Amino acid sequence: MRHSKKNRKPLIITIVTILVVLVLCVVFFFPLNNVLRNVTGNDTASDKVVKSELVKKVKARKTGDPAKDEKIDRAASVIGKKKMSQIMSAANNQKQAANLIESSSSLSKQQSQKAAQEIFTNDSYTGLRNAISSGKWYQAYEQYQKLSNNGEIDQLRQDINQ
């Protein structure tokens, strides 16, 4: 019996070590991801996944109308080619946000400026902008879902098209 107790101790230590490493990876994932992006200047693997999902969401808005679908494809292409650091920077700067919106959508310059102004002046969007600017993609997704569910996103679309 003594022999089996000695074998359990290294096993327990190994399991605890693995759990601690996993917790540390989760806790430090976003900061490490952001450091890697800042050092290399390129998108990280998680950035690519986030952009891929964003592009899928944009493409899911296709209607079957060739003219509208062409604009949607163009927007998805532009978003896919933008560096995540540009997107994060735009979350902190209204002018950059307006330029990003204009270049990645079919909105006019005036509509893009109006959208950026609303996003920067309406407190409902602060959580989303902060999450994007700090590279916290899961938090950004949660904020987007919240804004979608409470009608803020639809209201923004209506305000822009007036």
Protein backbone atom coordinates (compact mmCIF):
# COMPACT_ATOMS: atom_id res chain seq x y z
CA MET A 1 0.00 0.00 0.00
CA ARG A 2 2.84 2.40 0.64
CA HIS A 3 3.96 1.89 -2.90
CA SER A 4 0.60 3.04 -4.34
CA LYS A 5 0.58 6.20 -2.18
CA LYS A 6 3.99 7.17 -3.51
CA ASN A 7 2.74 6.75 -7.07
CA ARG A 8 -0.28 8.96 -6.43
CA LYS A 9 1.72 11.93 -5.20
CA PRO A 10 3.53 12.56 -8.52
CA LEU A 11 0.24 12.00 -10.37
CA ILE A 12 -1.58 14.55 -8.21
CA ILE A 13 1.27 17.03 -8.58
CA THR A 14 1.20 16.55 -12.36
CA ILE A 15 -2.57 17.07 -12.54
CA VAL A 16 -2.41 20.18 -10.35
CA THR A 17 0.47 21.55 -12.45
CA ILE A 18 -1.48 21.00 -15.66
CA LEU A 19 -4.54 22.74 -14.17
CA VAL A 20 -2.43 25.70 -13.02
CA VAL A 21 -0.85 26.01 -16.47
CA LEU A 22 -4.28 25.90 -18.13
CA VAL A 23 -5.63 28.58 -15.80
CA LEU A 24 -2.60 30.78 -16.45
CA CYS A 25 -3.00 30.32 -20.21
CA VAL A 26 -6.62 31.42 -20.00
CA VAL A 27 -5.84 34.38 -17.73
CA PHE A 28 -2.89 35.60 -19.79
CA PHE A 29 -4.10 34.61 -23.27
CA PHE A 30 -5.40 38.01 -24.37
CA PRO A 31 -2.47 40.01 -22.99
CA LEU A 32 0.00 37.59 -24.63
CA ASN A 33 -1.98 37.72 -27.86
CA ASN A 34 -1.90 41.52 -27.78
CA VAL A 35 1.84 41.58 -27.04
CA LEU A 36 2.51 39.22 -29.95
CA ARG A 37 0.43 41.43 -32.28
CA ASN A 38 2.23 44.57 -31.10
CA VAL A 39 5.69 43.01 -31.47
CA THR A 40 5.18 41.48 -34.90
CA GLY A 41 2.72 44.01 -36.31
CA ASN A 42 0.82 41.12 -37.84
CA ASP A 43 -2.45 39.43 -36.96
CA THR A 44 -2.20 36.56 -34.50
CA ALA A 45 -3.90 33.20 -34.90
CA SER A 46 -6.81 34.30 -32.70
CA ASP A 47 -7.13 37.52 -34.73
CA LYS A 48 -7.49 35.45 -37.87
CA VAL A 49 -10.19 33.33 -36.25
CA VAL A 50 -12.07 36.42 -35.10
CA LYS A 51 -11.84 38.02 -38.54
CA SER A 52 -12.95 34.78 -40.18
CA GLU A 53 -16.05 34.71 -37.97
CA LEU A 54 -16.69 38.39 -38.65
CA VAL A 55 -16.45 37.79 -42.40
CA LYS A 56 -18.89 34.88 -42.07
CA LYS A 57 -21.34 37.14 -40.22
CA VAL A 58 -21.08 39.77 -42.94
CA LYS A 59 -21.56 37.21 -45.72
CA ALA A 60 -24.55 35.75 -43.89
CA ARG A 61 -26.37 39.03 -44.61
CA LYS A 62 -26.53 38.23 -48.34
CA THR A 63 -29.99 38.66 -49.79
CA GLY A 64 -29.79 37.08 -53.23
CA ASP A 65 -29.83 40.49 -54.90
CA PRO A 66 -26.62 40.56 -57.01
CA ALA A 67 -26.01 44.29 -56.45
CA LYS A 68 -26.37 44.05 -52.66
CA ASP A 69 -24.45 40.78 -52.50
CA GLU A 70 -21.56 42.36 -54.42
CA LYS A 71 -21.35 45.12 -51.80
CA ILE A 72 -21.46 42.53 -49.02
CA ASP A 73 -18.68 40.51 -50.66
CA ARG A 74 -16.60 43.68 -51.03
CA ALA A 75 -17.10 44.56 -47.37
CA ALA A 76 -16.18 41.04 -46.27
CA SER A 77 -13.06 41.16 -48.42
CA VAL A 78 -11.97 44.51 -47.00
CA ILE A 79 -12.53 43.34 -43.42
CA GLY A 80 -10.57 40.16 -44.09
CA LYS A 81 -7.60 42.17 -45.39
CA LYS A 82 -7.52 44.78 -42.59
CA LYS A 83 -4.99 44.21 -39.84
CA MET A 84 -6.59 43.70 -36.48
CA SER A 85 -4.39 46.44 -35.05
CA GLN A 86 -6.13 48.91 -37.42
CA ILE A 87 -9.54 47.75 -36.24
CA MET A 88 -8.47 48.00 -32.59
CA SER A 89 -7.07 51.49 -33.16
CA ALA A 90 -10.31 52.61 -34.82
CA ALA A 91 -12.20 51.62 -31.67
CA ASN A 92 -10.38 54.48 -29.89
CA ASN A 93 -10.56 57.15 -32.57
CA GLN A 94 -13.78 58.44 -34.12
CA LYS A 95 -12.14 59.65 -37.35
CA GLN A 96 -10.35 56.32 -37.88
CA ALA A 97 -13.61 54.50 -37.14
CA ALA A 98 -15.45 56.57 -39.75
CA ASN A 99 -12.73 55.83 -42.31
CA LEU A 100 -12.83 52.11 -41.47
CA ILE A 101 -16.62 52.03 -41.75
CA GLU A 102 -16.50 53.86 -45.09
CA SER A 103 -13.81 51.58 -46.55
CA SER A 104 -15.42 48.35 -45.38
CA SER A 105 -19.06 49.08 -46.16
CA SER A 106 -21.27 50.55 -48.82
CA LEU A 107 -21.97 53.61 -46.68
CA SER A 108 -21.11 57.06 -47.92
CA LYS A 109 -18.57 59.24 -46.15
CA GLN A 110 -21.37 61.21 -44.50
CA GLN A 111 -23.16 58.04 -43.34
CA SER A 112 -19.90 56.60 -42.05
CA GLN A 113 -19.21 59.75 -40.05
CA LYS A 114 -22.73 59.66 -38.67
CA ALA A 115 -22.31 56.01 -37.65
CA ALA A 116 -18.96 56.69 -35.99
CA GLN A 117 -20.39 59.69 -34.16
CA GLU A 118 -23.25 57.59 -32.81
CA ILE A 119 -20.89 54.80 -31.77
CA PHE A 120 -18.64 57.24 -29.92
CA THR A 121 -21.36 59.38 -28.29
CA ASN A 122 -23.86 56.69 -27.29
CA ASP A 123 -22.77 55.07 -24.02
CA SER A 124 -24.36 51.79 -25.12
CA TYR A 125 -21.40 51.19 -27.43
CA THR A 126 -18.65 51.96 -24.90
CA GLY A 127 -18.35 48.36 -23.72
CA LEU A 128 -18.01 47.08 -27.28
CA ARG A 129 -15.45 49.73 -28.23
CA ASN A 130 -13.40 49.05 -25.09
CA ALA A 131 -13.43 45.30 -25.69
CA ILE A 132 -12.35 45.75 -29.32
CA SER A 133 -9.64 48.27 -28.49
CA SER A 134 -8.14 45.95 -25.89
CA GLY A 135 -8.39 42.82 -28.06
CA LYS A 136 -10.84 41.01 -25.80
CA TRP A 137 -12.71 39.22 -28.55
CA TYR A 138 -15.03 37.10 -26.43
CA GLN A 139 -16.08 40.17 -24.46
CA ALA A 140 -16.59 42.05 -27.75
CA TYR A 141 -18.80 39.22 -29.00
CA GLU A 142 -20.85 39.33 -25.79
CA GLN A 143 -21.26 43.10 -26.11
CA TYR A 144 -22.32 42.73 -29.75
CA GLN A 145 -24.91 40.12 -28.78
CA LYS A 146 -26.22 42.41 -26.04
CA LEU A 147 -26.54 45.32 -28.51
CA SER A 148 -28.22 43.07 -31.06
CA ASN A 149 -30.68 41.69 -28.53
CA ASN A 150 -31.69 45.08 -27.11
CA GLY A 151 -32.19 46.61 -30.57
CA GLU A 152 -29.30 49.11 -30.47
CA ILE A 153 -27.70 47.71 -33.65
CA ASP A 154 -31.01 47.90 -35.55
CA GLN A 155 -31.54 51.43 -34.25
CA LEU A 156 -28.06 52.41 -35.47
CA ARG A 157 -28.85 51.05 -38.94
CA GLN A 158 -32.10 53.03 -39.03
CA ASP A 159 -30.39 56.23 -37.85
CA ILE A 160 -27.70 55.92 -40.52
CA ASN A 161 -30.17 55.38 -43.34
CA GLN A 162 -32.32 58.41 -42.47
